[in-house]
């Protein structure tokens, strides 16, 4: 008899099918990230071994060195079928700081001189 367990009770499914796992990433499609992608994410939880967990379209991404609630920029380093791994990008080096040199000043002629003190 299909649908009846050894005690004689009929098996029933509640919640219309998948229930708890409904938000799970569907393995039939390609992961929504690729190695080298940079994303802004919020860490939703911390895994058993201490890595932060972020999600992109239901796809789980492990980010070491983060805590729940952190809003970080990450770079994807490895992509598997069900999960990905990323590194936190150093947020202290913004694009503006990289474009303008910190230790230089213009003199009156418009030339740049180093202002390092020895």
C-alpha atoms as a PDB file:
ATOM      1  CA  UNK A   1       0.000   0.000   0.000  1.00  0.00           C
ATOM      2  CA  UNK A   2       1.467   3.277  -1.110  1.00  0.00           C
ATOM      3  CA  UNK A   3       1.203   6.161   1.363  1.00  0.00           C
ATOM      4  CA  UNK A   4       0.662   4.021   4.483  1.00  0.00           C
ATOM      5  CA  UNK A   5       3.424   3.439   7.035  1.00  0.00           C
ATOM      6  CA  UNK A   6       4.031   0.251   9.044  1.00  0.00           C
ATOM      7  CA  UNK A   7       1.613   1.416  11.769  1.00  0.00           C
ATOM      8  CA  UNK A   8      -1.215   1.675   9.286  1.00  0.00           C
ATOM      9  CA  UNK A   9      -1.368   5.465   9.281  1.00  0.00           C
ATOM     10  CA  UNK A  10      -1.657   7.339   6.018  1.00  0.00           C
ATOM     11  CA  UNK A  11       1.255   9.668   5.218  1.00  0.00           C
ATOM     12  CA  UNK A  12       0.223  13.235   4.656  1.00  0.00           C
ATOM     13  CA  UNK A  13       2.127  16.235   3.438  1.00  0.00           C
ATOM     14  CA  UNK A  14       1.289  19.556   5.018  1.00  0.00           C
ATOM     15  CA  UNK A  15       2.116  23.010   3.675  1.00  0.00           C
ATOM     16  CA  UNK A  16       1.691  22.352  -0.017  1.00  0.00           C
ATOM     17  CA  UNK A  17       4.813  20.461  -0.892  1.00  0.00           C
ATOM     18  CA  UNK A  18       8.313  21.726  -0.197  1.00  0.00           C
ATOM     19  CA  UNK A  19       7.496  23.738   2.925  1.00  0.00           C
ATOM     20  CA  UNK A  20      10.677  24.670   4.804  1.00  0.00           C
ATOM     21  CA  UNK A  21      12.979  24.026   1.839  1.00  0.00           C
ATOM     22  CA  UNK A  22      11.013  26.219  -0.550  1.00  0.00           C
ATOM     23  CA  UNK A  23      13.608  29.011  -0.417  1.00  0.00           C
ATOM     24  CA  UNK A  24      16.470  26.633  -1.099  1.00  0.00           C
ATOM     25  CA  UNK A  25      18.634  27.211  -4.159  1.00  0.00           C
ATOM     26  CA  UNK A  26      17.499  25.129  -7.134  1.00  0.00           C
ATOM     27  CA  UNK A  27      20.420  22.966  -8.306  1.00  0.00           C
ATOM     28  CA  UNK A  28      18.921  22.649 -11.795  1.00  0.00           C
ATOM     29  CA  UNK A  29      20.010  26.166 -12.689  1.00  0.00           C
ATOM     30  CA  UNK A  30      23.455  27.746 -12.760  1.00  0.00           C
ATOM     31  CA  UNK A  31      24.701  29.491  -9.591  1.00  0.00           C
ATOM     32  CA  UNK A  32      23.921  33.241  -9.623  1.00  0.00           C
ATOM     33  CA  UNK A  33      27.588  34.141  -9.029  1.00  0.00           C
ATOM     34  CA  UNK A  34      30.905  33.510 -10.764  1.00  0.00           C
ATOM     35  CA  UNK A  35      34.475  33.495  -9.488  1.00  0.00           C
ATOM     36  CA  UNK A  36      35.738  37.074  -9.377  1.00  0.00           C
ATOM     37  CA  UNK A  37      32.303  38.695  -8.981  1.00  0.00           C
ATOM     38  CA  UNK A  38      32.170  41.524  -6.442  1.00  0.00           C
ATOM     39  CA  UNK A  39      28.963  41.991  -4.441  1.00  0.00           C
ATOM     40  CA  UNK A  40      27.630  44.106  -1.592  1.00  0.00           C
ATOM     41  CA  UNK A  41      25.958  41.737   0.887  1.00  0.00           C
ATOM     42  CA  UNK A  42      24.611  41.605   4.424  1.00  0.00           C
ATOM     43  CA  UNK A  43      25.746  38.707   6.592  1.00  0.00           C
ATOM     44  CA  UNK A  44      22.579  36.872   7.644  1.00  0.00           C
ATOM     45  CA  UNK A  45      24.058  34.348  10.080  1.00  0.00           C
ATOM     46  CA  UNK A  46      27.282  32.769  11.285  1.00  0.00           C
ATOM     47  CA  UNK A  47      28.012  29.142  10.391  1.00  0.00           C
ATOM     48  CA  UNK A  48      29.143  26.477  12.842  1.00  0.00           C
ATOM     49  CA  UNK A  49      32.837  27.058  12.080  1.00  0.00           C
ATOM     50  CA  UNK A  50      32.542  30.851  12.418  1.00  0.00           C
ATOM     51  CA  UNK A  51      32.232  31.978   8.791  1.00  0.00           C
ATOM     52  CA  UNK A  52      29.542  34.510   7.952  1.00  0.00           C
ATOM     53  CA  UNK A  53      26.697  33.440   5.663  1.00  0.00           C
ATOM     54  CA  UNK A  54      25.315  35.664   2.936  1.00  0.00           C
ATOM     55  CA  UNK A  55      22.816  34.785   0.211  1.00  0.00           C
ATOM     56  CA  UNK A  56      22.409  35.781  -3.413  1.00  0.00           C
ATOM     57  CA  UNK A  57      19.071  34.642  -4.887  1.00  0.00           C
ATOM     58  CA  UNK A  58      18.932  31.817  -2.313  1.00  0.00           C
ATOM     59  CA  UNK A  59      22.522  30.723  -3.071  1.00  0.00           C
ATOM     60  CA  UNK A  60      24.614  30.490   0.127  1.00  0.00           C
ATOM     61  CA  UNK A  61      27.996  32.234   0.217  1.00  0.00           C
ATOM     62  CA  UNK A  62      30.474  31.687   3.085  1.00  0.00           C
ATOM     63  CA  UNK A  63      32.476  34.783   4.077  1.00  0.00           C
ATOM     64  CA  UNK A  64      35.188  34.305   6.737  1.00  0.00           C
ATOM     65  CA  UNK A  65      35.926  37.104   9.197  1.00  0.00           C
ATOM     66  CA  UNK A  66      32.399  38.515   9.325  1.00  0.00           C
ATOM     67  CA  UNK A  67      29.587  38.664  11.881  1.00  0.00           C
ATOM     68  CA  UNK A  68      25.795  38.655  11.659  1.00  0.00           C
ATOM     69  CA  UNK A  69      24.529  42.024  10.431  1.00  0.00           C
ATOM     70  CA  UNK A  70      27.807  43.104   8.792  1.00  0.00           C
ATOM     71  CA  UNK A  71      27.321  44.898   5.464  1.00  0.00           C
ATOM     72  CA  UNK A  72      30.399  44.081   3.423  1.00  0.00           C
ATOM     73  CA  UNK A  73      31.748  44.050  -0.108  1.00  0.00           C
ATOM     74  CA  UNK A  74      32.941  40.586  -1.111  1.00  0.00           C
ATOM     75  CA  UNK A  75      34.791  38.923  -3.990  1.00  0.00           C
ATOM     76  CA  UNK A  76      33.741  35.388  -4.955  1.00  0.00           C
ATOM     77  CA  UNK A  77      36.728  33.003  -4.755  1.00  0.00           C
ATOM     78  CA  UNK A  78      35.127  29.589  -5.330  1.00  0.00           C
ATOM     79  CA  UNK A  79      31.761  28.380  -6.650  1.00  0.00           C
ATOM     80  CA  UNK A  80      30.351  24.888  -6.104  1.00  0.00           C
ATOM     81  CA  UNK A  81      26.936  23.494  -7.092  1.00  0.00           C
ATOM     82  CA  UNK A  82      25.197  24.463  -3.858  1.00  0.00           C
ATOM     83  CA  UNK A  83      27.455  27.010  -2.138  1.00  0.00           C
ATOM     84  CA  UNK A  84      30.083  29.616  -2.835  1.00  0.00           C
ATOM     85  CA  UNK A  85      33.027  31.054  -0.949  1.00  0.00           C
ATOM     86  CA  UNK A  86      34.156  34.658  -0.853  1.00  0.00           C
ATOM     87  CA  UNK A  87      36.671  36.965   0.731  1.00  0.00           C
ATOM     88  CA  UNK A  88      35.871  40.292   2.317  1.00  0.00           C
ATOM     89  CA  UNK A  89      37.323  43.123   0.255  1.00  0.00           C
ATOM     90  CA  UNK A  90      39.283  45.669   2.259  1.00  0.00           C
ATOM     91  CA  UNK A  91      36.814  48.524   2.568  1.00  0.00           C
ATOM     92  CA  UNK A  92      39.406  50.986   3.920  1.00  0.00           C
ATOM     93  CA  UNK A  93      40.883  51.534   0.438  1.00  0.00           C
ATOM     94  CA  UNK A  94      38.145  53.384  -1.378  1.00  0.00           C
ATOM     95  CA  UNK A  95      38.374  54.361  -5.038  1.00  0.00           C
ATOM     96  CA  UNK A  96      38.781  58.054  -4.155  1.00  0.00           C
ATOM     97  CA  UNK A  97      41.826  57.362  -1.989  1.00  0.00           C
ATOM     98  CA  UNK A  98      43.412  55.255  -4.719  1.00  0.00           C
ATOM     99  CA  UNK A  99      42.981  57.992  -7.358  1.00  0.00           C
ATOM    100  CA  UNK A 100      44.559  60.857  -5.364  1.00  0.00           C
ATOM    101  CA  UNK A 101      47.995  60.382  -3.795  1.00  0.00           C
ATOM    102  CA  UNK A 102      47.968  60.927  -0.023  1.00  0.00           C
ATOM    103  CA  UNK A 103      51.540  62.142   0.507  1.00  0.00           C
ATOM    104  CA  UNK A 104      51.866  64.777  -2.192  1.00  0.00           C
ATOM    105  CA  UNK A 105      51.254  68.484  -2.437  1.00  0.00           C
ATOM    106  CA  UNK A 106      51.215  70.876  -5.373  1.00  0.00           C
ATOM    107  CA  UNK A 107      53.604  73.784  -5.253  1.00  0.00           C
ATOM    108  CA  UNK A 108      52.838  77.150  -6.852  1.00  0.00           C
ATOM    109  CA  UNK A 109      54.059  76.006 -10.287  1.00  0.00           C
ATOM    110  CA  UNK A 110      51.545  73.117 -10.320  1.00  0.00           C
ATOM    111  CA  UNK A 111      54.193  70.427  -9.937  1.00  0.00           C
ATOM    112  CA  UNK A 112      53.704  67.651  -7.433  1.00  0.00           C
ATOM    113  CA  UNK A 113      56.273  67.335  -4.660  1.00  0.00           C
ATOM    114  CA  UNK A 114      56.591  64.596  -2.080  1.00  0.00           C
ATOM    115  CA  UNK A 115      55.777  65.850   1.395  1.00  0.00           C
ATOM    116  CA  UNK A 116      57.415  63.053   3.348  1.00  0.00           C
ATOM    117  CA  UNK A 117      59.212  64.107   6.508  1.00  0.00           C
ATOM    118  CA  UNK A 118      62.406  62.359   7.495  1.00  0.00           C
END
